[in-house]
Amino acid sequence: MAMLRMLARDLHSNYGPTADTGGLMQNHAPTIYGYSSLNELFDGEASGGAKKPLPGAAGKPVSERPDKK
């Protein structure tokens, strides 16, 4: 995931929400997987990667450690 983030790729959920799926769990960010089943994953990747679109953080905090000033 760190390598994908460095390549500026959007990240779907893996163990919970990401910055691209809405931010932090405590802000009720959704968990959005790229595909809903293994068959959908195989078919989607075989056709070039047809993952679900991501909403982004929409202005919500994406880190549990805000900048200290």
PDB file of N, CA and C in Angstrom:
ATOM      1  N   MET A   1       0.825  -1.189   0.000  1.00  0.00           N
ATOM      2  CA  MET A   1       0.000   0.000   0.000  1.00  0.00           C
ATOM      3  C   MET A   1       0.865   1.248   0.000  1.00  0.00           C
ATOM      4  N   ALA A   2       1.992   1.201   0.720  1.00  0.00           N
ATOM      5  CA  ALA A   2       2.872   2.369   0.744  1.00  0.00           C
ATOM      6  C   ALA A   2       3.418   2.664  -0.653  1.00  0.00           C
ATOM      7  N   MET A   3       3.778   1.642  -1.384  1.00  0.00           N
ATOM      8  CA  MET A   3       4.288   1.850  -2.745  1.00  0.00           C
ATOM      9  C   MET A   3       3.200   2.424  -3.656  1.00  0.00           C
ATOM     10  N   LEU A   4       1.980   1.922  -3.539  1.00  0.00           N
ATOM     11  CA  LEU A   4       0.891   2.468  -4.349  1.00  0.00           C
ATOM     12  C   LEU A   4       0.623   3.925  -4.004  1.00  0.00           C
ATOM     13  N   ARG A   5       0.694   4.273  -2.725  1.00  0.00           N
ATOM     14  CA  ARG A   5       0.489   5.656  -2.298  1.00  0.00           C
ATOM     15  C   ARG A   5       1.584   6.557  -2.878  1.00  0.00           C
ATOM     16  N   MET A   6       2.843   6.074  -2.883  1.00  0.00           N
ATOM     17  CA  MET A   6       3.943   6.860  -3.457  1.00  0.00           C
ATOM     18  C   MET A   6       3.773   7.044  -4.961  1.00  0.00           C
ATOM     19  N   LEU A   7       3.088   6.125  -5.610  1.00  0.00           N
ATOM     20  CA  LEU A   7       2.814   6.240  -7.042  1.00  0.00           C
ATOM     21  C   LEU A   7       1.534   7.030  -7.324  1.00  0.00           C
ATOM     22  N   ALA A   8       0.969   7.639  -6.269  1.00  0.00           N
ATOM     23  CA  ALA A   8      -0.251   8.461  -6.368  1.00  0.00           C
ATOM     24  C   ALA A   8      -1.459   7.663  -6.848  1.00  0.00           C
ATOM     25  N   ARG A   9      -1.531   6.384  -6.456  1.00  0.00           N
ATOM     26  CA  ARG A   9      -2.685   5.554  -6.796  1.00  0.00           C
ATOM     27  C   ARG A   9      -3.730   5.639  -5.703  1.00  0.00           C
ATOM     28  N   ASP A  10      -4.983   5.586  -6.068  1.00  0.00           N
ATOM     29  CA  ASP A  10      -6.062   5.525  -5.089  1.00  0.00           C
ATOM     30  C   ASP A  10      -6.064   4.145  -4.446  1.00  0.00           C
ATOM     31  N   LEU A  11      -6.365   4.102  -3.144  1.00  0.00           N
ATOM     32  CA  LEU A  11      -6.338   2.831  -2.423  1.00  0.00           C
ATOM     33  C   LEU A  11      -7.715   2.465  -1.901  1.00  0.00           C
ATOM     34  N   HIS A  12      -8.190   1.317  -2.317  1.00  0.00           N
ATOM     35  CA  HIS A  12      -9.428   0.770  -1.766  1.00  0.00           C
ATOM     36  C   HIS A  12      -9.141   0.215  -0.380  1.00  0.00           C
ATOM     37  N   SER A  13     -10.181  -0.112   0.346  1.00  0.00           N
ATOM     38  CA  SER A  13     -10.038  -0.657   1.698  1.00  0.00           C
ATOM     39  C   SER A  13      -9.332  -2.000   1.661  1.00  0.00           C
ATOM     40  N   ASN A  14      -8.616  -2.299   2.740  1.00  0.00           N
ATOM     41  CA  ASN A  14      -8.070  -3.640   2.903  1.00  0.00           C
ATOM     42  C   ASN A  14      -8.483  -4.165   4.279  1.00  0.00           C
ATOM     43  N   TYR A  15      -8.167  -3.464   5.362  1.00  0.00           N
ATOM     44  CA  TYR A  15      -8.594  -3.855   6.700  1.00  0.00           C
ATOM     45  C   TYR A  15      -9.539  -2.824   7.303  1.00  0.00           C
ATOM     46  N   GLY A  16     -10.035  -1.928   6.517  1.00  0.00           N
ATOM     47  CA  GLY A  16     -10.902  -0.851   6.977  1.00  0.00           C
ATOM     48  C   GLY A  16     -10.774   0.323   6.031  1.00  0.00           C
ATOM     49  N   PRO A  17     -11.309   1.477   6.408  1.00  0.00           N
ATOM     50  CA  PRO A  17     -11.280   2.641   5.521  1.00  0.00           C
ATOM     51  C   PRO A  17      -9.860   3.128   5.232  1.00  0.00           C
ATOM     52  N   THR A  18      -9.694   3.799   4.106  1.00  0.00           N
ATOM     53  CA  THR A  18      -8.447   4.483   3.769  1.00  0.00           C
ATOM     54  C   THR A  18      -8.781   5.951   3.537  1.00  0.00           C
ATOM     55  N   ALA A  19      -7.758   6.765   3.328  1.00  0.00           N
ATOM     56  CA  ALA A  19      -7.984   8.176   3.031  1.00  0.00           C
ATOM     57  C   ALA A  19      -8.840   8.336   1.776  1.00  0.00           C
ATOM     58  N   ASP A  20      -8.720   7.426   0.843  1.00  0.00           N
ATOM     59  CA  ASP A  20      -9.476   7.507  -0.406  1.00  0.00           C
ATOM     60  C   ASP A  20     -10.915   7.021  -0.276  1.00  0.00           C
ATOM     61  N   THR A  21     -11.231   6.300   0.793  1.00  0.00           N
ATOM     62  CA  THR A  21     -12.602   5.822   0.970  1.00  0.00           C
ATOM     63  C   THR A  21     -13.378   6.664   1.974  1.00  0.00           C
ATOM     64  N   GLY A  22     -12.765   7.693   2.517  1.00  0.00           N
ATOM     65  CA  GLY A  22     -13.510   8.584   3.403  1.00  0.00           C
ATOM     66  C   GLY A  22     -12.812   8.948   4.694  1.00  0.00           C
ATOM     67  N   GLY A  23     -11.595   8.486   4.934  1.00  0.00           N
ATOM     68  CA  GLY A  23     -10.868   8.890   6.131  1.00  0.00           C
ATOM     69  C   GLY A  23     -10.927   7.880   7.253  1.00  0.00           C
ATOM     70  N   LEU A  24     -11.170   8.351   8.461  1.00  0.00           N
ATOM     71  CA  LEU A  24     -11.082   7.535   9.663  1.00  0.00           C
ATOM     72  C   LEU A  24     -12.393   6.828  10.010  1.00  0.00           C
ATOM     73  N   MET A  25     -12.274   5.672  10.671  1.00  0.00           N
ATOM     74  CA  MET A  25     -13.465   4.922  11.108  1.00  0.00           C
ATOM     75  C   MET A  25     -14.348   5.748  12.031  1.00  0.00           C
ATOM     76  N   GLN A  26     -13.728   6.499  12.955  1.00  0.00           N
ATOM     77  CA  GLN A  26     -14.522   7.278  13.905  1.00  0.00           C
ATOM     78  C   GLN A  26     -15.332   8.385  13.218  1.00  0.00           C
ATOM     79  N   ASN A  27     -14.998   8.710  11.978  1.00  0.00           N
ATOM     80  CA  ASN A  27     -15.787   9.661  11.195  1.00  0.00           C
ATOM     81  C   ASN A  27     -16.790   8.940  10.295  1.00  0.00           C
ATOM     82  N   HIS A  28     -17.001   7.655  10.577  1.00  0.00           N
ATOM     83  CA  HIS A  28     -17.966   6.822   9.844  1.00  0.00           C
ATOM     84  C   HIS A  28     -17.604   6.680   8.369  1.00  0.00           C
ATOM     85  N   ALA A  29     -16.310   6.630   8.096  1.00  0.00           N
ATOM     86  CA  ALA A  29     -15.869   6.411   6.722  1.00  0.00           C
ATOM     87  C   ALA A  29     -16.231   4.989   6.302  1.00  0.00           C
ATOM     88  N   PRO A  30     -16.675   4.817   5.078  1.00  0.00           N
ATOM     89  CA  PRO A  30     -17.055   3.473   4.641  1.00  0.00           C
ATOM     90  C   PRO A  30     -15.846   2.611   4.298  1.00  0.00           C
ATOM     91  N   THR A  31     -16.032   1.323   4.377  1.00  0.00           N
ATOM     92  CA  THR A  31     -15.048   0.367   3.880  1.00  0.00           C
ATOM     93  C   THR A  31     -15.494  -0.023   2.484  1.00  0.00           C
ATOM     94  N   ILE A  32     -14.666   0.272   1.494  1.00  0.00           N
ATOM     95  CA  ILE A  32     -15.025   0.021   0.099  1.00  0.00           C
ATOM     96  C   ILE A  32     -13.953  -0.856  -0.525  1.00  0.00           C
ATOM     97  N   TYR A  33     -14.324  -2.074  -0.840  1.00  0.00           N
ATOM     98  CA  TYR A  33     -13.395  -2.984  -1.496  1.00  0.00           C
ATOM     99  C   TYR A  33     -13.475  -2.778  -3.006  1.00  0.00           C
ATOM    100  N   GLY A  34     -12.389  -3.048  -3.687  1.00  0.00           N
ATOM    101  CA  GLY A  34     -12.355  -2.867  -5.140  1.00  0.00           C
ATOM    102  C   GLY A  34     -13.345  -3.755  -5.872  1.00  0.00           C
ATOM    103  N   TYR A  35     -13.558  -4.941  -5.347  1.00  0.00           N
ATOM    104  CA  TYR A  35     -14.470  -5.909  -5.958  1.00  0.00           C
ATOM    105  C   TYR A  35     -15.255  -6.599  -4.854  1.00  0.00           C
ATOM    106  N   SER A  36     -16.463  -7.022  -5.161  1.00  0.00           N
ATOM    107  CA  SER A  36     -17.309  -7.624  -4.132  1.00  0.00           C
ATOM    108  C   SER A  36     -17.148  -9.139  -4.007  1.00  0.00           C
ATOM    109  N   SER A  37     -16.449  -9.765  -4.942  1.00  0.00           N
ATOM    110  CA  SER A  37     -16.233 -11.209  -4.864  1.00  0.00           C
ATOM    111  C   SER A  37     -14.973 -11.581  -5.637  1.00  0.00           C
ATOM    112  N   LEU A  38     -14.498 -12.809  -5.434  1.00  0.00           N
ATOM    113  CA  LEU A  38     -13.314 -13.258  -6.170  1.00  0.00           C
ATOM    114  C   LEU A  38     -13.575 -13.338  -7.670  1.00  0.00           C
ATOM    115  N   ASN A  39     -14.750 -13.816  -8.036  1.00  0.00           N
ATOM    116  CA  ASN A  39     -15.069 -13.899  -9.468  1.00  0.00           C
ATOM    117  C   ASN A  39     -15.091 -12.521 -10.103  1.00  0.00           C
ATOM    118  N   GLU A  40     -15.651 -11.534  -9.389  1.00  0.00           N
ATOM    119  CA  GLU A  40     -15.669 -10.168  -9.905  1.00  0.00           C
ATOM    120  C   GLU A  40     -14.245  -9.618 -10.019  1.00  0.00           C
ATOM    121  N   LEU A  41     -13.391  -9.949  -9.048  1.00  0.00           N
ATOM    122  CA  LEU A  41     -11.986  -9.526  -9.091  1.00  0.00           C
ATOM    123  C   LEU A  41     -11.292 -10.100 -10.323  1.00  0.00           C
ATOM    124  N   PHE A  42     -11.427 -11.410 -10.541  1.00  0.00           N
ATOM    125  CA  PHE A  42     -10.768 -12.042 -11.686  1.00  0.00           C
ATOM    126  C   PHE A  42     -11.274 -11.456 -13.002  1.00  0.00           C
ATOM    127  N   ASP A  43     -12.587 -11.301 -13.134  1.00  0.00           N
ATOM    128  CA  ASP A  43     -13.157 -10.737 -14.361  1.00  0.00           C
ATOM    129  C   ASP A  43     -12.748  -9.282 -14.553  1.00  0.00           C
ATOM    130  N   GLY A  44     -12.797  -8.502 -13.473  1.00  0.00           N
ATOM    131  CA  GLY A  44     -12.450  -7.081 -13.563  1.00  0.00           C
ATOM    132  C   GLY A  44     -10.999  -6.862 -13.930  1.00  0.00           C
ATOM    133  N   GLU A  45     -10.096  -7.594 -13.308  1.00  0.00           N
ATOM    134  CA  GLU A  45      -8.670  -7.436 -13.609  1.00  0.00           C
ATOM    135  C   GLU A  45      -8.331  -7.971 -14.999  1.00  0.00           C
ATOM    136  N   ALA A  46      -9.024  -9.011 -15.447  1.00  0.00           N
ATOM    137  CA  ALA A  46      -8.792  -9.538 -16.791  1.00  0.00           C
ATOM    138  C   ALA A  46      -9.206  -8.536 -17.862  1.00  0.00           C
ATOM    139  N   SER A  47     -10.155  -7.660 -17.513  1.00  0.00           N
ATOM    140  CA  SER A  47     -10.613  -6.667 -18.488  1.00  0.00           C
ATOM    141  C   SER A  47      -9.977  -5.293 -18.258  1.00  0.00           C
ATOM    142  N   GLY A  48      -8.882  -5.250 -17.514  1.00  0.00           N
ATOM    143  CA  GLY A  48      -8.155  -3.990 -17.365  1.00  0.00           C
ATOM    144  C   GLY A  48      -8.339  -3.282 -16.043  1.00  0.00           C
ATOM    145  N   GLY A  49      -9.024  -3.851 -15.095  1.00  0.00           N
ATOM    146  CA  GLY A  49      -9.160  -3.243 -13.772  1.00  0.00           C
ATOM    147  C   GLY A  49     -10.375  -2.352 -13.638  1.00  0.00           C
ATOM    148  N   ALA A  50     -11.532  -2.928 -13.503  1.00  0.00           N
ATOM    149  CA  ALA A  50     -12.787  -2.184 -13.398  1.00  0.00           C
ATOM    150  C   ALA A  50     -13.233  -2.077 -11.947  1.00  0.00           C
ATOM    151  N   LYS A  51     -12.390  -1.461 -11.084  1.00  0.00           N
ATOM    152  CA  LYS A  51     -12.723  -1.355  -9.663  1.00  0.00           C
ATOM    153  C   LYS A  51     -13.803  -0.315  -9.422  1.00  0.00           C
ATOM    154  N   LYS A  52     -14.417  -0.405  -8.237  1.00  0.00           N
ATOM    155  CA  LYS A  52     -15.437   0.565  -7.851  1.00  0.00           C
ATOM    156  C   LYS A  52     -14.793   1.947  -7.677  1.00  0.00           C
ATOM    157  N   PRO A  53     -15.499   3.037  -8.023  1.00  0.00           N
ATOM    158  CA  PRO A  53     -14.950   4.375  -7.819  1.00  0.00           C
ATOM    159  C   PRO A  53     -14.876   4.718  -6.331  1.00  0.00           C
ATOM    160  N   LEU A  54     -13.962   5.614  -5.979  1.00  0.00           N
ATOM    161  CA  LEU A  54     -13.758   6.006  -4.579  1.00  0.00           C
ATOM    162  C   LEU A  54     -14.212   7.447  -4.349  1.00  0.00           C
ATOM    163  N   PRO A  55     -14.822   7.726  -3.181  1.00  0.00           N
ATOM    164  CA  PRO A  55     -15.341   9.067  -2.921  1.00  0.00           C
ATOM    165  C   PRO A  55     -14.301  10.072  -2.450  1.00  0.00           C
ATOM    166  N   GLY A  56     -13.164   9.629  -1.918  1.00  0.00           N
ATOM    167  CA  GLY A  56     -12.184  10.542  -1.331  1.00  0.00           C
ATOM    168  C   GLY A  56     -12.599  10.921   0.078  1.00  0.00           C
ATOM    169  N   ALA A  57     -11.791  11.716   0.751  1.00  0.00           N
ATOM    170  CA  ALA A  57     -12.034  12.051   2.154  1.00  0.00           C
ATOM    171  C   ALA A  57     -13.097  13.122   2.342  1.00  0.00           C
ATOM    172  N   ALA A  58     -13.402  13.885   1.333  1.00  0.00           N
ATOM    173  CA  ALA A  58     -14.445  14.923   1.402  1.00  0.00           C
ATOM    174  C   ALA A  58     -14.230  15.897   2.563  1.00  0.00           C
ATOM    175  N   GLY A  59     -12.977  16.297   2.776  1.00  0.00           N
ATOM    176  CA  GLY A  59     -12.673  17.275   3.808  1.00  0.00           C
ATOM    177  C   GLY A  59     -12.573  16.740   5.220  1.00  0.00           C
ATOM    178  N   LYS A  60     -12.785  15.443   5.417  1.00  0.00           N
ATOM    179  CA  LYS A  60     -12.690  14.847   6.753  1.00  0.00           C
ATOM    180  C   LYS A  60     -11.228  14.523   7.056  1.00  0.00           C
ATOM    181  N   PRO A  61     -10.822  14.517   8.340  1.00  0.00           N
ATOM    182  CA  PRO A  61      -9.444  14.161   8.670  1.00  0.00           C
ATOM    183  C   PRO A  61      -9.132  12.724   8.261  1.00  0.00           C
ATOM    184  N   VAL A  62      -7.929  12.509   7.752  1.00  0.00           N
ATOM    185  CA  VAL A  62      -7.536  11.168   7.322  1.00  0.00           C
ATOM    186  C   VAL A  62      -6.430  10.602   8.202  1.00  0.00           C
ATOM    187  N   SER A  63      -6.052  11.334   9.223  1.00  0.00           N
ATOM    188  CA  SER A  63      -4.998  10.879  10.129  1.00  0.00           C
ATOM    189  C   SER A  63      -5.431  11.025  11.572  1.00  0.00           C
ATOM    190  N   GLU A  64      -4.974  10.093  12.415  1.00  0.00           N
ATOM    191  CA  GLU A  64      -5.249  10.196  13.844  1.00  0.00           C
ATOM    192  C   GLU A  64      -4.260  11.119  14.536  1.00  0.00           C
ATOM    193  N   ARG A  65      -3.279  11.609  13.801  1.00  0.00           N
ATOM    194  CA  ARG A  65      -2.245  12.485  14.350  1.00  0.00           C
ATOM    195  C   ARG A  65      -2.244  13.817  13.604  1.00  0.00           C
ATOM    196  N   PRO A  66      -3.124  14.722  13.980  1.00  0.00           N
ATOM    197  CA  PRO A  66      -3.142  16.020  13.297  1.00  0.00           C
ATOM    198  C   PRO A  66      -1.844  16.784  13.545  1.00  0.00           C
ATOM    199  N   ASP A  67      -1.533  17.678  12.652  1.00  0.00           N
ATOM    200  CA  ASP A  67      -0.316  18.496  12.800  1.00  0.00           C
ATOM    201  C   ASP A  67      -0.383  19.314  14.075  1.00  0.00           C
ATOM    202  N   LYS A  68       0.697  19.309  14.822  1.00  0.00           N
ATOM    203  CA  LYS A  68       0.763  20.124  16.036  1.00  0.00           C
ATOM    204  C   LYS A  68       1.362  21.467  15.697  1.00  0.00           C
ATOM    205  N   LYS A  69       0.746  22.521  16.165  1.00  0.00           N
ATOM    206  CA  LYS A  69       1.237  23.876  15.861  1.00  0.00           C
ATOM    207  C   LYS A  69       1.491  24.636  17.131  1.00  0.00           C
TER     208      LYS A  69
END
